[in-house]
């Protein structure tokens, strides 16, 4: 699972708001 490299570096929680929106659409549990 790759979220524009966010997961591999610092995780989706540290991604920008725009990235979070995209990640939430794919895997909401990753944000929660």
PDB file of N, CA and C in Angstrom:
ATOM      1  N   UNK A   1       0.844  -1.205   0.000  1.00  0.00           N
ATOM      2  CA  UNK A   1       0.000   0.000   0.000  1.00  0.00           C
ATOM      3  C   UNK A   1       0.878   1.253   0.000  1.00  0.00           C
ATOM      4  N   UNK A   2       0.694   2.088  -1.001  1.00  0.00           N
ATOM      5  CA  UNK A   2       1.483   3.318  -1.086  1.00  0.00           C
ATOM      6  C   UNK A   2       0.572   4.532  -1.139  1.00  0.00           C
ATOM      7  N   UNK A   3       0.820   5.484  -0.286  1.00  0.00           N
ATOM      8  CA  UNK A   3       0.055   6.729  -0.282  1.00  0.00           C
ATOM      9  C   UNK A   3       0.966   7.862  -0.709  1.00  0.00           C
ATOM     10  N   UNK A   4       1.347   7.863  -1.960  1.00  0.00           N
ATOM     11  CA  UNK A   4       2.255   8.885  -2.487  1.00  0.00           C
ATOM     12  C   UNK A   4       3.548   8.930  -1.672  1.00  0.00           C
ATOM     13  N   UNK A   5       3.929   7.802  -1.090  1.00  0.00           N
ATOM     14  CA  UNK A   5       5.167   7.739  -0.330  1.00  0.00           C
ATOM     15  C   UNK A   5       5.009   8.202   1.105  1.00  0.00           C
ATOM     16  N   UNK A   6       3.827   8.679   1.460  1.00  0.00           N
ATOM     17  CA  UNK A   6       3.624   9.191   2.814  1.00  0.00           C
ATOM     18  C   UNK A   6       3.794   8.072   3.843  1.00  0.00           C
ATOM     19  N   UNK A   7       3.232   6.907   3.554  1.00  0.00           N
ATOM     20  CA  UNK A   7       3.287   5.798   4.498  1.00  0.00           C
ATOM     21  C   UNK A   7       4.723   5.339   4.720  1.00  0.00           C
ATOM     22  N   UNK A   8       5.505   5.311   3.657  1.00  0.00           N
ATOM     23  CA  UNK A   8       6.879   4.833   3.762  1.00  0.00           C
ATOM     24  C   UNK A   8       7.765   5.792   4.535  1.00  0.00           C
ATOM     25  N   UNK A   9       7.406   7.077   4.548  1.00  0.00           N
ATOM     26  CA  UNK A   9       8.261   8.068   5.205  1.00  0.00           C
ATOM     27  C   UNK A   9       7.785   8.369   6.625  1.00  0.00           C
ATOM     28  N   UNK A  10       6.652   9.043   6.740  1.00  0.00           N
ATOM     29  CA  UNK A  10       6.224   9.451   8.075  1.00  0.00           C
ATOM     30  C   UNK A  10       4.781   9.052   8.361  1.00  0.00           C
ATOM     31  N   UNK A  11       4.153   8.369   7.439  1.00  0.00           N
ATOM     32  CA  UNK A  11       2.788   7.934   7.678  1.00  0.00           C
ATOM     33  C   UNK A  11       1.760   8.938   7.179  1.00  0.00           C
ATOM     34  N   UNK A  12       0.554   8.459   6.864  1.00  0.00           N
ATOM     35  CA  UNK A  12      -0.507   9.298   6.316  1.00  0.00           C
ATOM     36  C   UNK A  12      -0.943  10.411   7.256  1.00  0.00           C
ATOM     37  N   UNK A  13      -0.772  10.192   8.581  1.00  0.00           N
ATOM     38  CA  UNK A  13      -1.208  11.212   9.542  1.00  0.00           C
ATOM     39  C   UNK A  13      -0.396  12.499   9.410  1.00  0.00           C
ATOM     40  N   UNK A  14       0.831  12.385   8.874  1.00  0.00           N
ATOM     41  CA  UNK A  14       1.665  13.575   8.731  1.00  0.00           C
ATOM     42  C   UNK A  14       1.562  14.171   7.326  1.00  0.00           C
ATOM     43  N   UNK A  15       0.683  13.595   6.508  1.00  0.00           N
ATOM     44  CA  UNK A  15       0.512  14.091   5.145  1.00  0.00           C
ATOM     45  C   UNK A  15      -0.276  15.395   5.151  1.00  0.00           C
ATOM     46  N   UNK A  16      -0.223  16.107   4.039  1.00  0.00           N
ATOM     47  CA  UNK A  16      -0.938  17.371   3.928  1.00  0.00           C
ATOM     48  C   UNK A  16      -2.442  17.125   3.913  1.00  0.00           C
ATOM     49  N   UNK A  17      -3.226  18.183   4.050  1.00  0.00           N
ATOM     50  CA  UNK A  17      -4.677  18.029   4.067  1.00  0.00           C
ATOM     51  C   UNK A  17      -5.180  17.398   2.780  1.00  0.00           C
ATOM     52  N   UNK A  18      -4.610  17.795   1.659  1.00  0.00           N
ATOM     53  CA  UNK A  18      -5.040  17.233   0.379  1.00  0.00           C
ATOM     54  C   UNK A  18      -4.727  15.744   0.323  1.00  0.00           C
ATOM     55  N   UNK A  19      -3.547  15.369   0.802  1.00  0.00           N
ATOM     56  CA  UNK A  19      -3.173  13.956   0.814  1.00  0.00           C
ATOM     57  C   UNK A  19      -4.086  13.181   1.760  1.00  0.00           C
ATOM     58  N   UNK A  20      -4.373  13.763   2.924  1.00  0.00           N
ATOM     59  CA  UNK A  20      -5.255  13.094   3.884  1.00  0.00           C
ATOM     60  C   UNK A  20      -6.605  12.787   3.240  1.00  0.00           C
ATOM     61  N   UNK A  21      -7.121  13.748   2.482  1.00  0.00           N
ATOM     62  CA  UNK A  21      -8.421  13.558   1.839  1.00  0.00           C
ATOM     63  C   UNK A  21      -8.373  12.356   0.905  1.00  0.00           C
ATOM     64  N   UNK A  22      -7.301  12.242   0.140  1.00  0.00           N
ATOM     65  CA  UNK A  22      -7.163  11.117  -0.790  1.00  0.00           C
ATOM     66  C   UNK A  22      -7.002   9.803  -0.030  1.00  0.00           C
ATOM     67  N   UNK A  23      -6.201   9.840   1.033  1.00  0.00           N
ATOM     68  CA  UNK A  23      -5.951   8.638   1.829  1.00  0.00           C
ATOM     69  C   UNK A  23      -7.240   8.187   2.521  1.00  0.00           C
ATOM     70  N   UNK A  24      -8.002   9.146   3.042  1.00  0.00           N
ATOM     71  CA  UNK A  24      -9.246   8.820   3.734  1.00  0.00           C
ATOM     72  C   UNK A  24     -10.204   8.111   2.791  1.00  0.00           C
ATOM     73  N   UNK A  25     -10.214   8.545   1.538  1.00  0.00           N
ATOM     74  CA  UNK A  25     -11.111   7.937   0.557  1.00  0.00           C
ATOM     75  C   UNK A  25     -10.724   6.484   0.309  1.00  0.00           C
ATOM     76  N   UNK A  26      -9.438   6.173   0.439  1.00  0.00           N
ATOM     77  CA  UNK A  26      -8.971   4.815   0.201  1.00  0.00           C
ATOM     78  C   UNK A  26      -9.050   3.965   1.468  1.00  0.00           C
ATOM     79  N   UNK A  27      -8.501   4.477   2.547  1.00  0.00           N
ATOM     80  CA  UNK A  27      -8.482   3.718   3.804  1.00  0.00           C
ATOM     81  C   UNK A  27      -8.765   4.644   4.988  1.00  0.00           C
ATOM     82  N   UNK A  28     -10.028   4.852   5.309  1.00  0.00           N
ATOM     83  CA  UNK A  28     -10.407   5.746   6.400  1.00  0.00           C
ATOM     84  C   UNK A  28      -9.798   5.335   7.741  1.00  0.00           C
ATOM     85  N   UNK A  29      -9.640   4.051   7.964  1.00  0.00           N
ATOM     86  CA  UNK A  29      -9.115   3.575   9.244  1.00  0.00           C
ATOM     87  C   UNK A  29      -7.674   4.019   9.449  1.00  0.00           C
ATOM     88  N   UNK A  30      -6.968   4.356   8.376  1.00  0.00           N
ATOM     89  CA  UNK A  30      -5.590   4.824   8.512  1.00  0.00           C
ATOM     90  C   UNK A  30      -5.555   6.210   9.145  1.00  0.00           C
ATOM     91  N   UNK A  31      -6.593   7.009   8.885  1.00  0.00           N
ATOM     92  CA  UNK A  31      -6.637   8.360   9.440  1.00  0.00           C
ATOM     93  C   UNK A  31      -7.149   8.324  10.877  1.00  0.00           C
ATOM     94  N   UNK A  32      -8.127   7.445  11.110  1.00  0.00           N
ATOM     95  CA  UNK A  32      -8.686   7.352  12.451  1.00  0.00           C
ATOM     96  C   UNK A  32      -7.672   6.686  13.360  1.00  0.00           C
TER      97      UNK A  32
END
